[in-house]
Amino acid sequence: MIQNKIQYDKITERIDELLAVVNNDTSENDKDYIELYLLEVSPSRISEYLSGTTEPTLKVARTMGKKLSIDPHILLGL
């Protein structure tokens, strides 16, 4: 489980890398799409979360936290 800012930064860096190559038109068989899909959130929505345009709901933060082994409090900024 991710428990500090350095680990969190590494995960968000990887998500940024994936978002640079995956979009809603990317094939579902693409390895990068599959990795991003494990979050069960669309690439555009993840981008909104990372940019601060939108905040994840508690349910989404919980799911993302489980999939990424991140404390949901970090995802919610608590």
PDB file of N, CA and C in Angstrom:
ATOM      1  N   MET A   1       0.838  -1.178   0.000  1.00  0.00           N
ATOM      2  CA  MET A   1       0.000   0.000   0.000  1.00  0.00           C
ATOM      3  C   MET A   1       0.887   1.246   0.000  1.00  0.00           C
ATOM      4  N   ILE A   2       0.529   2.206  -0.840  1.00  0.00           N
ATOM      5  CA  ILE A   2       1.284   3.459  -0.915  1.00  0.00           C
ATOM      6  C   ILE A   2       0.967   4.288   0.319  1.00  0.00           C
ATOM      7  N   GLN A   3       2.019   4.717   0.987  1.00  0.00           N
ATOM      8  CA  GLN A   3       1.817   5.410   2.255  1.00  0.00           C
ATOM      9  C   GLN A   3       2.540   6.739   2.346  1.00  0.00           C
ATOM     10  N   ASN A   4       3.212   7.159   1.251  1.00  0.00           N
ATOM     11  CA  ASN A   4       3.901   8.444   1.339  1.00  0.00           C
ATOM     12  C   ASN A   4       3.849   9.165  -0.009  1.00  0.00           C
ATOM     13  N   LYS A   5       4.226  10.411   0.018  1.00  0.00           N
ATOM     14  CA  LYS A   5       4.123  11.256  -1.163  1.00  0.00           C
ATOM     15  C   LYS A   5       5.034  10.790  -2.291  1.00  0.00           C
ATOM     16  N   ILE A   6       6.197  10.276  -1.992  1.00  0.00           N
ATOM     17  CA  ILE A   6       7.109   9.809  -3.039  1.00  0.00           C
ATOM     18  C   ILE A   6       6.464   8.666  -3.821  1.00  0.00           C
ATOM     19  N   GLN A   7       5.898   7.713  -3.123  1.00  0.00           N
ATOM     20  CA  GLN A   7       5.234   6.598  -3.780  1.00  0.00           C
ATOM     21  C   GLN A   7       4.016   7.085  -4.571  1.00  0.00           C
ATOM     22  N   TYR A   8       3.259   7.974  -3.989  1.00  0.00           N
ATOM     23  CA  TYR A   8       2.084   8.543  -4.664  1.00  0.00           C
ATOM     24  C   TYR A   8       2.506   9.263  -5.942  1.00  0.00           C
ATOM     25  N   ASP A   9       3.584  10.032  -5.872  1.00  0.00           N
ATOM     26  CA  ASP A   9       4.076  10.757  -7.046  1.00  0.00           C
ATOM     27  C   ASP A   9       4.473   9.798  -8.158  1.00  0.00           C
ATOM     28  N   LYS A  10       5.062   8.663  -7.808  1.00  0.00           N
ATOM     29  CA  LYS A  10       5.440   7.663  -8.806  1.00  0.00           C
ATOM     30  C   LYS A  10       4.207   7.093  -9.506  1.00  0.00           C
ATOM     31  N   ILE A  11       3.167   6.821  -8.739  1.00  0.00           N
ATOM     32  CA  ILE A  11       1.933   6.297  -9.322  1.00  0.00           C
ATOM     33  C   ILE A  11       1.303   7.336 -10.241  1.00  0.00           C
ATOM     34  N   THR A  12       1.204   8.574  -9.804  1.00  0.00           N
ATOM     35  CA  THR A  12       0.600   9.599 -10.650  1.00  0.00           C
ATOM     36  C   THR A  12       1.457   9.853 -11.890  1.00  0.00           C
ATOM     37  N   GLU A  13       2.759   9.714 -11.754  1.00  0.00           N
ATOM     38  CA  GLU A  13       3.644   9.844 -12.917  1.00  0.00           C
ATOM     39  C   GLU A  13       3.328   8.741 -13.933  1.00  0.00           C
ATOM     40  N   ARG A  14       3.133   7.525 -13.457  1.00  0.00           N
ATOM     41  CA  ARG A  14       2.792   6.420 -14.362  1.00  0.00           C
ATOM     42  C   ARG A  14       1.433   6.647 -15.014  1.00  0.00           C
ATOM     43  N   ILE A  15       0.481   7.135 -14.263  1.00  0.00           N
ATOM     44  CA  ILE A  15      -0.838   7.424 -14.828  1.00  0.00           C
ATOM     45  C   ILE A  15      -0.720   8.500 -15.898  1.00  0.00           C
ATOM     46  N   ASP A  16       0.083   9.528 -15.650  1.00  0.00           N
ATOM     47  CA  ASP A  16       0.309  10.564 -16.660  1.00  0.00           C
ATOM     48  C   ASP A  16       0.910   9.972 -17.922  1.00  0.00           C
ATOM     49  N   GLU A  17       1.856   9.043 -17.773  1.00  0.00           N
ATOM     50  CA  GLU A  17       2.460   8.378 -18.929  1.00  0.00           C
ATOM     51  C   GLU A  17       1.392   7.619 -19.727  1.00  0.00           C
ATOM     52  N   LEU A  18       0.526   6.915 -19.008  1.00  0.00           N
ATOM     53  CA  LEU A  18      -0.528   6.161 -19.678  1.00  0.00           C
ATOM     54  C   LEU A  18      -1.521   7.084 -20.366  1.00  0.00           C
ATOM     55  N   LEU A  19      -1.877   8.178 -19.714  1.00  0.00           N
ATOM     56  CA  LEU A  19      -2.829   9.108 -20.305  1.00  0.00           C
ATOM     57  C   LEU A  19      -2.283   9.766 -21.567  1.00  0.00           C
ATOM     58  N   ALA A  20      -0.968   9.851 -21.681  1.00  0.00           N
ATOM     59  CA  ALA A  20      -0.356  10.441 -22.869  1.00  0.00           C
ATOM     60  C   ALA A  20      -0.509   9.533 -24.092  1.00  0.00           C
ATOM     61  N   VAL A  21      -0.703   8.239 -23.868  1.00  0.00           N
ATOM     62  CA  VAL A  21      -0.790   7.298 -24.993  1.00  0.00           C
ATOM     63  C   VAL A  21      -2.141   6.605 -25.105  1.00  0.00           C
ATOM     64  N   VAL A  22      -2.992   6.748 -24.103  1.00  0.00           N
ATOM     65  CA  VAL A  22      -4.302   6.090 -24.117  1.00  0.00           C
ATOM     66  C   VAL A  22      -5.391   7.149 -24.137  1.00  0.00           C
ATOM     67  N   ASN A  23      -6.374   6.925 -25.007  1.00  0.00           N
ATOM     68  CA  ASN A  23      -7.556   7.789 -24.990  1.00  0.00           C
ATOM     69  C   ASN A  23      -8.773   6.905 -25.202  1.00  0.00           C
ATOM     70  N   ASN A  24      -9.936   7.492 -25.298  1.00  0.00           N
ATOM     71  CA  ASN A  24     -11.157   6.697 -25.405  1.00  0.00           C
ATOM     72  C   ASN A  24     -11.256   5.927 -26.722  1.00  0.00           C
ATOM     73  N   ASP A  25     -10.382   6.239 -27.692  1.00  0.00           N
ATOM     74  CA  ASP A  25     -10.376   5.528 -28.971  1.00  0.00           C
ATOM     75  C   ASP A  25      -9.346   4.401 -29.017  1.00  0.00           C
ATOM     76  N   THR A  26      -8.550   4.247 -27.975  1.00  0.00           N
ATOM     77  CA  THR A  26      -7.515   3.213 -27.933  1.00  0.00           C
ATOM     78  C   THR A  26      -8.165   1.834 -27.843  1.00  0.00           C
ATOM     79  N   SER A  27      -7.594   0.891 -28.570  1.00  0.00           N
ATOM     80  CA  SER A  27      -8.101  -0.481 -28.562  1.00  0.00           C
ATOM     81  C   SER A  27      -8.089  -1.051 -27.146  1.00  0.00           C
ATOM     82  N   GLU A  28      -9.129  -1.785 -26.827  1.00  0.00           N
ATOM     83  CA  GLU A  28      -9.214  -2.413 -25.505  1.00  0.00           C
ATOM     84  C   GLU A  28      -8.179  -3.515 -25.331  1.00  0.00           C
ATOM     85  N   ASN A  29      -7.527  -3.928 -26.402  1.00  0.00           N
ATOM     86  CA  ASN A  29      -6.491  -4.953 -26.326  1.00  0.00           C
ATOM     87  C   ASN A  29      -5.106  -4.358 -26.124  1.00  0.00           C
ATOM     88  N   ASP A  30      -4.991  -3.063 -26.181  1.00  0.00           N
ATOM     89  CA  ASP A  30      -3.709  -2.373 -25.999  1.00  0.00           C
ATOM     90  C   ASP A  30      -3.250  -2.540 -24.546  1.00  0.00           C
ATOM     91  N   LYS A  31      -1.963  -2.893 -24.351  1.00  0.00           N
ATOM     92  CA  LYS A  31      -1.464  -3.160 -22.997  1.00  0.00           C
ATOM     93  C   LYS A  31      -1.569  -1.937 -22.089  1.00  0.00           C
ATOM     94  N   ASP A  32      -1.355  -0.743 -22.645  1.00  0.00           N
ATOM     95  CA  ASP A  32      -1.473   0.468 -21.830  1.00  0.00           C
ATOM     96  C   ASP A  32      -2.920   0.739 -21.450  1.00  0.00           C
ATOM     97  N   TYR A  33      -3.833   0.475 -22.376  1.00  0.00           N
ATOM     98  CA  TYR A  33      -5.256   0.631 -22.082  1.00  0.00           C
ATOM     99  C   TYR A  33      -5.658  -0.313 -20.958  1.00  0.00           C
ATOM    100  N   ILE A  34      -5.190  -1.554 -21.043  1.00  0.00           N
ATOM    101  CA  ILE A  34      -5.529  -2.554 -20.020  1.00  0.00           C
ATOM    102  C   ILE A  34      -5.021  -2.119 -18.654  1.00  0.00           C
ATOM    103  N   GLU A  35      -3.795  -1.617 -18.611  1.00  0.00           N
ATOM    104  CA  GLU A  35      -3.239  -1.157 -17.329  1.00  0.00           C
ATOM    105  C   GLU A  35      -4.067  -0.012 -16.756  1.00  0.00           C
ATOM    106  N   LEU A  36      -4.442   0.920 -17.607  1.00  0.00           N
ATOM    107  CA  LEU A  36      -5.249   2.052 -17.147  1.00  0.00           C
ATOM    108  C   LEU A  36      -6.664   1.606 -16.797  1.00  0.00           C
ATOM    109  N   TYR A  37      -7.199   0.653 -17.548  1.00  0.00           N
ATOM    110  CA  TYR A  37      -8.549   0.166 -17.320  1.00  0.00           C
ATOM    111  C   TYR A  37      -8.693  -0.514 -15.960  1.00  0.00           C
ATOM    112  N   LEU A  38      -7.608  -1.041 -15.430  1.00  0.00           N
ATOM    113  CA  LEU A  38      -7.670  -1.687 -14.116  1.00  0.00           C
ATOM    114  C   LEU A  38      -8.219  -0.744 -13.056  1.00  0.00           C
ATOM    115  N   LEU A  39      -8.167   0.562 -13.332  1.00  0.00           N
ATOM    116  CA  LEU A  39      -8.712   1.541 -12.378  1.00  0.00           C
ATOM    117  C   LEU A  39     -10.223   1.628 -12.470  1.00  0.00           C
ATOM    118  N   GLU A  40     -10.806   1.062 -13.524  1.00  0.00           N
ATOM    119  CA  GLU A  40     -12.250   1.114 -13.764  1.00  0.00           C
ATOM    120  C   GLU A  40     -12.762   2.544 -13.892  1.00  0.00           C
ATOM    121  N   VAL A  41     -11.927   3.417 -14.422  1.00  0.00           N
ATOM    122  CA  VAL A  41     -12.286   4.812 -14.647  1.00  0.00           C
ATOM    123  C   VAL A  41     -11.766   5.178 -16.026  1.00  0.00           C
ATOM    124  N   SER A  42     -12.540   5.935 -16.790  1.00  0.00           N
ATOM    125  CA  SER A  42     -12.115   6.281 -18.143  1.00  0.00           C
ATOM    126  C   SER A  42     -10.868   7.173 -18.108  1.00  0.00           C
ATOM    127  N   PRO A  43     -10.054   7.097 -19.155  1.00  0.00           N
ATOM    128  CA  PRO A  43      -8.851   7.942 -19.215  1.00  0.00           C
ATOM    129  C   PRO A  43      -9.170   9.425 -19.068  1.00  0.00           C
ATOM    130  N   SER A  44     -10.262   9.873 -19.680  1.00  0.00           N
ATOM    131  CA  SER A  44     -10.597  11.299 -19.584  1.00  0.00           C
ATOM    132  C   SER A  44     -10.958  11.681 -18.149  1.00  0.00           C
ATOM    133  N   ARG A  45     -11.623  10.798 -17.435  1.00  0.00           N
ATOM    134  CA  ARG A  45     -12.000  11.090 -16.039  1.00  0.00           C
ATOM    135  C   ARG A  45     -10.762  11.129 -15.148  1.00  0.00           C
ATOM    136  N   ILE A  46      -9.833  10.194 -15.351  1.00  0.00           N
ATOM    137  CA  ILE A  46      -8.594  10.191 -14.562  1.00  0.00           C
ATOM    138  C   ILE A  46      -7.833  11.485 -14.808  1.00  0.00           C
ATOM    139  N   SER A  47      -7.799  11.917 -16.054  1.00  0.00           N
ATOM    140  CA  SER A  47      -7.137  13.173 -16.392  1.00  0.00           C
ATOM    141  C   SER A  47      -7.772  14.342 -15.639  1.00  0.00           C
ATOM    142  N   GLU A  48      -9.093  14.338 -15.547  1.00  0.00           N
ATOM    143  CA  GLU A  48      -9.799  15.390 -14.804  1.00  0.00           C
ATOM    144  C   GLU A  48      -9.437  15.351 -13.322  1.00  0.00           C
ATOM    145  N   TYR A  49      -9.315  14.156 -12.754  1.00  0.00           N
ATOM    146  CA  TYR A  49      -8.935  14.032 -11.349  1.00  0.00           C
ATOM    147  C   TYR A  49      -7.536  14.597 -11.119  1.00  0.00           C
ATOM    148  N   LEU A  50      -6.610  14.233 -11.999  1.00  0.00           N
ATOM    149  CA  LEU A  50      -5.223  14.660 -11.825  1.00  0.00           C
ATOM    150  C   LEU A  50      -5.051  16.160 -12.038  1.00  0.00           C
ATOM    151  N   SER A  51      -5.846  16.733 -12.934  1.00  0.00           N
ATOM    152  CA  SER A  51      -5.730  18.171 -13.197  1.00  0.00           C
ATOM    153  C   SER A  51      -6.462  18.999 -12.142  1.00  0.00           C
ATOM    154  N   GLY A  52      -7.300  18.344 -11.341  1.00  0.00           N
ATOM    155  CA  GLY A  52      -8.049  19.070 -10.321  1.00  0.00           C
ATOM    156  C   GLY A  52      -9.366  19.631 -10.830  1.00  0.00           C
ATOM    157  N   THR A  53      -9.724  19.318 -12.079  1.00  0.00           N
ATOM    158  CA  THR A  53     -10.984  19.792 -12.657  1.00  0.00           C
ATOM    159  C   THR A  53     -12.170  19.170 -11.941  1.00  0.00           C
ATOM    160  N   THR A  54     -12.029  17.903 -11.587  1.00  0.00           N
ATOM    161  CA  THR A  54     -13.082  17.145 -10.917  1.00  0.00           C
ATOM    162  C   THR A  54     -12.461  16.356  -9.781  1.00  0.00           C
ATOM    163  N   GLU A  55     -13.222  16.155  -8.721  1.00  0.00           N
ATOM    164  CA  GLU A  55     -12.742  15.331  -7.616  1.00  0.00           C
ATOM    165  C   GLU A  55     -13.463  13.993  -7.636  1.00  0.00           C
ATOM    166  N   PRO A  56     -12.744  12.915  -7.320  1.00  0.00           N
ATOM    167  CA  PRO A  56     -13.400  11.600  -7.312  1.00  0.00           C
ATOM    168  C   PRO A  56     -14.399  11.491  -6.171  1.00  0.00           C
ATOM    169  N   THR A  57     -15.437  10.704  -6.413  1.00  0.00           N
ATOM    170  CA  THR A  57     -16.387  10.414  -5.337  1.00  0.00           C
ATOM    171  C   THR A  57     -15.708   9.468  -4.356  1.00  0.00           C
ATOM    172  N   LEU A  58     -16.305   9.291  -3.214  1.00  0.00           N
ATOM    173  CA  LEU A  58     -15.758   8.370  -2.222  1.00  0.00           C
ATOM    174  C   LEU A  58     -15.648   6.965  -2.804  1.00  0.00           C
ATOM    175  N   LYS A  59     -16.671   6.538  -3.537  1.00  0.00           N
ATOM    176  CA  LYS A  59     -16.668   5.198  -4.132  1.00  0.00           C
ATOM    177  C   LYS A  59     -15.521   5.050  -5.131  1.00  0.00           C
ATOM    178  N   VAL A  60     -15.331   6.047  -5.985  1.00  0.00           N
ATOM    179  CA  VAL A  60     -14.253   5.998  -6.977  1.00  0.00           C
ATOM    180  C   VAL A  60     -12.899   6.026  -6.278  1.00  0.00           C
ATOM    181  N   ALA A  61     -12.745   6.883  -5.271  1.00  0.00           N
ATOM    182  CA  ALA A  61     -11.481   6.963  -4.532  1.00  0.00           C
ATOM    183  C   ALA A  61     -11.180   5.630  -3.855  1.00  0.00           C
ATOM    184  N   ARG A  62     -12.197   4.986  -3.337  1.00  0.00           N
ATOM    185  CA  ARG A  62     -12.019   3.683  -2.693  1.00  0.00           C
ATOM    186  C   ARG A  62     -11.562   2.642  -3.718  1.00  0.00           C
ATOM    187  N   THR A  63     -12.205   2.616  -4.880  1.00  0.00           N
ATOM    188  CA  THR A  63     -11.837   1.660  -5.934  1.00  0.00           C
ATOM    189  C   THR A  63     -10.425   1.917  -6.426  1.00  0.00           C
ATOM    190  N   MET A  64     -10.106   3.177  -6.717  1.00  0.00           N
ATOM    191  CA  MET A  64      -8.770   3.512  -7.188  1.00  0.00           C
ATOM    192  C   MET A  64      -7.725   3.196  -6.121  1.00  0.00           C
ATOM    193  N   GLY A  65      -8.055   3.473  -4.872  1.00  0.00           N
ATOM    194  CA  GLY A  65      -7.139   3.174  -3.779  1.00  0.00           C
ATOM    195  C   GLY A  65      -6.824   1.693  -3.688  1.00  0.00           C
ATOM    196  N   LYS A  66      -7.857   0.868  -3.852  1.00  0.00           N
ATOM    197  CA  LYS A  66      -7.647  -0.587  -3.807  1.00  0.00           C
ATOM    198  C   LYS A  66      -6.813  -1.052  -4.985  1.00  0.00           C
ATOM    199  N   LYS A  67      -7.144  -0.563  -6.180  1.00  0.00           N
ATOM    200  CA  LYS A  67      -6.439  -1.006  -7.388  1.00  0.00           C
ATOM    201  C   LYS A  67      -4.986  -0.561  -7.399  1.00  0.00           C
ATOM    202  N   LEU A  68      -4.723   0.630  -6.850  1.00  0.00           N
ATOM    203  CA  LEU A  68      -3.362   1.174  -6.863  1.00  0.00           C
ATOM    204  C   LEU A  68      -2.641   0.992  -5.532  1.00  0.00           C
ATOM    205  N   SER A  69      -3.320   0.404  -4.554  1.00  0.00           N
ATOM    206  CA  SER A  69      -2.777   0.259  -3.200  1.00  0.00           C
ATOM    207  C   SER A  69      -2.372   1.607  -2.627  1.00  0.00           C
ATOM    208  N   ILE A  70      -3.283   2.570  -2.769  1.00  0.00           N
ATOM    209  CA  ILE A  70      -3.073   3.916  -2.235  1.00  0.00           C
ATOM    210  C   ILE A  70      -4.141   4.164  -1.173  1.00  0.00           C
ATOM    211  N   ASP A  71      -3.770   4.773  -0.108  1.00  0.00           N
ATOM    212  CA  ASP A  71      -4.729   5.159   0.913  1.00  0.00           C
ATOM    213  C   ASP A  71      -5.737   6.127   0.289  1.00  0.00           C
ATOM    214  N   PRO A  72      -7.050   5.820   0.307  1.00  0.00           N
ATOM    215  CA  PRO A  72      -8.058   6.705  -0.293  1.00  0.00           C
ATOM    216  C   PRO A  72      -8.023   8.136   0.251  1.00  0.00           C
ATOM    217  N   HIS A  73      -7.521   8.309   1.469  1.00  0.00           N
ATOM    218  CA  HIS A  73      -7.408   9.662   2.028  1.00  0.00           C
ATOM    219  C   HIS A  73      -6.473  10.511   1.173  1.00  0.00           C
ATOM    220  N   ILE A  74      -5.427   9.896   0.618  1.00  0.00           N
ATOM    221  CA  ILE A  74      -4.504  10.627  -0.247  1.00  0.00           C
ATOM    222  C   ILE A  74      -5.234  11.065  -1.507  1.00  0.00           C
ATOM    223  N   LEU A  75      -6.040  10.167  -2.082  1.00  0.00           N
ATOM    224  CA  LEU A  75      -6.773  10.490  -3.300  1.00  0.00           C
ATOM    225  C   LEU A  75      -7.797  11.593  -3.071  1.00  0.00           C
ATOM    226  N   LEU A  76      -8.334  11.647  -1.869  1.00  0.00           N
ATOM    227  CA  LEU A  76      -9.334  12.670  -1.547  1.00  0.00           C
ATOM    228  C   LEU A  76      -8.711  13.937  -0.965  1.00  0.00           C
ATOM    229  N   GLY A  77      -7.392  13.934  -0.811  1.00  0.00           N
ATOM    230  CA  GLY A  77      -6.724  15.123  -0.289  1.00  0.00           C
ATOM    231  C   GLY A  77      -6.978  15.367   1.188  1.00  0.00           C
ATOM    232  N   LEU A  78      -7.247  14.301   1.943  1.00  0.00           N
ATOM    233  CA  LEU A  78      -7.528  14.454   3.381  1.00  0.00           C
ATOM    234  C   LEU A  78      -6.271  14.259   4.202  1.00  0.00           C
TER     235      LEU A  78
END
